[in-house]
Amino acid sequence: MLHYAVVFFIIALIAAVLGFGGIAAGAAGIAKILFMVFLVVALVTFVAGLLRR
């Protein structure tokens, strides 16, 4: 999931450099959402691992 967030971030950077503002904003939004989902899943996994001990 983190891989997809990085891919969309790179797409957003390339689109911003080329002047495609709408595409850049959309890709950046998707990257932010995927990164936040990754953080939540990682945190839940970490807490679940601590509780199993």
N, C-alpha and C. Protein backbone atom coordinates (compact mmCIF):
# COMPACT_ATOMS: atom_id res chain seq x y z
N MET A 1 0.83 -1.19 0.00
CA MET A 1 0.00 0.00 0.00
C MET A 1 0.88 1.26 0.00
N LEU A 2 1.96 1.19 0.76
CA LEU A 2 2.88 2.33 0.78
C LEU A 2 3.49 2.54 -0.60
N HIS A 3 3.70 1.45 -1.32
CA HIS A 3 4.23 1.53 -2.69
C HIS A 3 3.30 2.34 -3.58
N TYR A 4 2.00 2.08 -3.49
CA TYR A 4 1.03 2.81 -4.31
C TYR A 4 0.98 4.28 -3.93
N ALA A 5 1.12 4.58 -2.65
CA ALA A 5 1.14 5.98 -2.21
C ALA A 5 2.33 6.71 -2.82
N VAL A 6 3.48 6.05 -2.83
CA VAL A 6 4.68 6.67 -3.43
C VAL A 6 4.50 6.83 -4.93
N VAL A 7 3.91 5.85 -5.59
CA VAL A 7 3.69 5.94 -7.04
C VAL A 7 2.78 7.11 -7.36
N PHE A 8 1.68 7.28 -6.62
CA PHE A 8 0.78 8.40 -6.89
C PHE A 8 1.45 9.74 -6.56
N PHE A 9 2.32 9.75 -5.56
CA PHE A 9 3.06 10.97 -5.23
C PHE A 9 3.99 11.36 -6.39
N ILE A 10 4.66 10.38 -6.96
CA ILE A 10 5.54 10.65 -8.10
C ILE A 10 4.74 11.12 -9.30
N ILE A 11 3.59 10.51 -9.54
CA ILE A 11 2.71 10.95 -10.63
C ILE A 11 2.29 12.40 -10.40
N ALA A 12 1.96 12.73 -9.15
CA ALA A 12 1.57 14.11 -8.83
C ALA A 12 2.71 15.08 -9.10
N LEU A 13 3.93 14.71 -8.73
CA LEU A 13 5.07 15.58 -8.98
C LEU A 13 5.31 15.80 -10.46
N ILE A 14 5.25 14.73 -11.23
CA ILE A 14 5.46 14.85 -12.68
C ILE A 14 4.36 15.69 -13.32
N ALA A 15 3.11 15.47 -12.91
CA ALA A 15 2.00 16.23 -13.47
C ALA A 15 2.12 17.71 -13.09
N ALA A 16 2.59 17.99 -11.88
CA ALA A 16 2.75 19.39 -11.46
C ALA A 16 3.83 20.08 -12.28
N VAL A 17 4.92 19.38 -12.54
CA VAL A 17 6.01 19.96 -13.34
C VAL A 17 5.54 20.24 -14.76
N LEU A 18 4.71 19.36 -15.30
CA LEU A 18 4.24 19.53 -16.68
C LEU A 18 3.06 20.49 -16.79
N GLY A 19 2.54 20.94 -15.65
CA GLY A 19 1.48 21.94 -15.68
C GLY A 19 0.06 21.41 -15.64
N PHE A 20 -0.11 20.15 -15.33
CA PHE A 20 -1.44 19.57 -15.24
C PHE A 20 -1.92 19.66 -13.79
N GLY A 21 -2.47 20.80 -13.42
CA GLY A 21 -2.84 21.05 -12.03
C GLY A 21 -3.90 20.13 -11.48
N GLY A 22 -4.94 19.86 -12.28
CA GLY A 22 -6.02 19.00 -11.81
C GLY A 22 -5.58 17.58 -11.58
N ILE A 23 -4.79 17.06 -12.50
CA ILE A 23 -4.28 15.70 -12.36
C ILE A 23 -3.33 15.61 -11.17
N ALA A 24 -2.50 16.63 -11.01
CA ALA A 24 -1.56 16.64 -9.88
C ALA A 24 -2.30 16.66 -8.55
N ALA A 25 -3.33 17.46 -8.46
CA ALA A 25 -4.10 17.54 -7.21
C ALA A 25 -4.80 16.22 -6.92
N GLY A 26 -5.35 15.60 -7.95
CA GLY A 26 -6.02 14.31 -7.77
C GLY A 26 -5.06 13.22 -7.33
N ALA A 27 -3.90 13.14 -7.97
CA ALA A 27 -2.92 12.13 -7.61
C ALA A 27 -2.36 12.38 -6.21
N ALA A 28 -2.16 13.64 -5.86
CA ALA A 28 -1.67 13.96 -4.52
C ALA A 28 -2.72 13.59 -3.47
N GLY A 29 -3.98 13.81 -3.76
CA GLY A 29 -5.05 13.43 -2.84
C GLY A 29 -5.11 11.92 -2.62
N ILE A 30 -4.98 11.17 -3.70
CA ILE A 30 -4.98 9.72 -3.60
C ILE A 30 -3.77 9.25 -2.79
N ALA A 31 -2.61 9.86 -3.03
CA ALA A 31 -1.40 9.49 -2.30
C ALA A 31 -1.57 9.76 -0.80
N LYS A 32 -2.18 10.89 -0.46
CA LYS A 32 -2.41 11.21 0.96
C LYS A 32 -3.34 10.19 1.62
N ILE A 33 -4.41 9.84 0.93
CA ILE A 33 -5.36 8.87 1.48
C ILE A 33 -4.70 7.51 1.68
N LEU A 34 -3.96 7.04 0.67
CA LEU A 34 -3.30 5.74 0.79
C LEU A 34 -2.27 5.74 1.90
N PHE A 35 -1.55 6.85 2.07
CA PHE A 35 -0.55 6.93 3.13
C PHE A 35 -1.21 6.90 4.51
N MET A 36 -2.32 7.59 4.65
CA MET A 36 -3.03 7.58 5.93
C MET A 36 -3.58 6.19 6.24
N VAL A 37 -4.12 5.51 5.24
CA VAL A 37 -4.61 4.14 5.44
C VAL A 37 -3.45 3.24 5.84
N PHE A 38 -2.29 3.41 5.19
CA PHE A 38 -1.11 2.63 5.55
C PHE A 38 -0.72 2.86 7.00
N LEU A 39 -0.71 4.12 7.44
CA LEU A 39 -0.34 4.42 8.82
C LEU A 39 -1.31 3.78 9.82
N VAL A 40 -2.60 3.84 9.52
CA VAL A 40 -3.60 3.25 10.42
C VAL A 40 -3.41 1.73 10.50
N VAL A 41 -3.24 1.09 9.37
CA VAL A 41 -3.05 -0.37 9.35
C VAL A 41 -1.76 -0.75 10.07
N ALA A 42 -0.68 0.01 9.86
CA ALA A 42 0.58 -0.27 10.54
C ALA A 42 0.44 -0.10 12.04
N LEU A 43 -0.26 0.93 12.48
CA LEU A 43 -0.47 1.16 13.91
C LEU A 43 -1.31 0.05 14.54
N VAL A 44 -2.38 -0.37 13.87
CA VAL A 44 -3.22 -1.45 14.37
C VAL A 44 -2.41 -2.75 14.47
N THR A 45 -1.61 -3.03 13.48
CA THR A 45 -0.78 -4.23 13.49
C THR A 45 0.23 -4.18 14.64
N PHE A 46 0.83 -3.02 14.85
CA PHE A 46 1.80 -2.85 15.92
C PHE A 46 1.16 -3.07 17.29
N VAL A 47 0.00 -2.49 17.50
CA VAL A 47 -0.71 -2.62 18.78
C VAL A 47 -1.16 -4.07 18.99
N ALA A 48 -1.63 -4.70 17.93
CA ALA A 48 -2.06 -6.11 18.03
C ALA A 48 -0.87 -7.01 18.38
N GLY A 49 0.29 -6.70 17.83
CA GLY A 49 1.49 -7.46 18.15
C GLY A 49 1.91 -7.29 19.60
N LEU A 50 1.73 -6.09 20.13
CA LEU A 50 2.06 -5.86 21.54
C LEU A 50 1.09 -6.56 22.48
N LEU A 51 -0.18 -6.62 22.09
CA LEU A 51 -1.18 -7.25 22.94
C LEU A 51 -1.07 -8.78 22.96
N ARG A 52 -0.48 -9.37 21.96
CA ARG A 52 -0.34 -10.82 21.90
C ARG A 52 0.71 -11.33 22.88
N ARG A 53 1.63 -10.48 23.29
CA ARG A 53 2.71 -10.91 24.18
C ARG A 53 2.27 -11.10 25.55
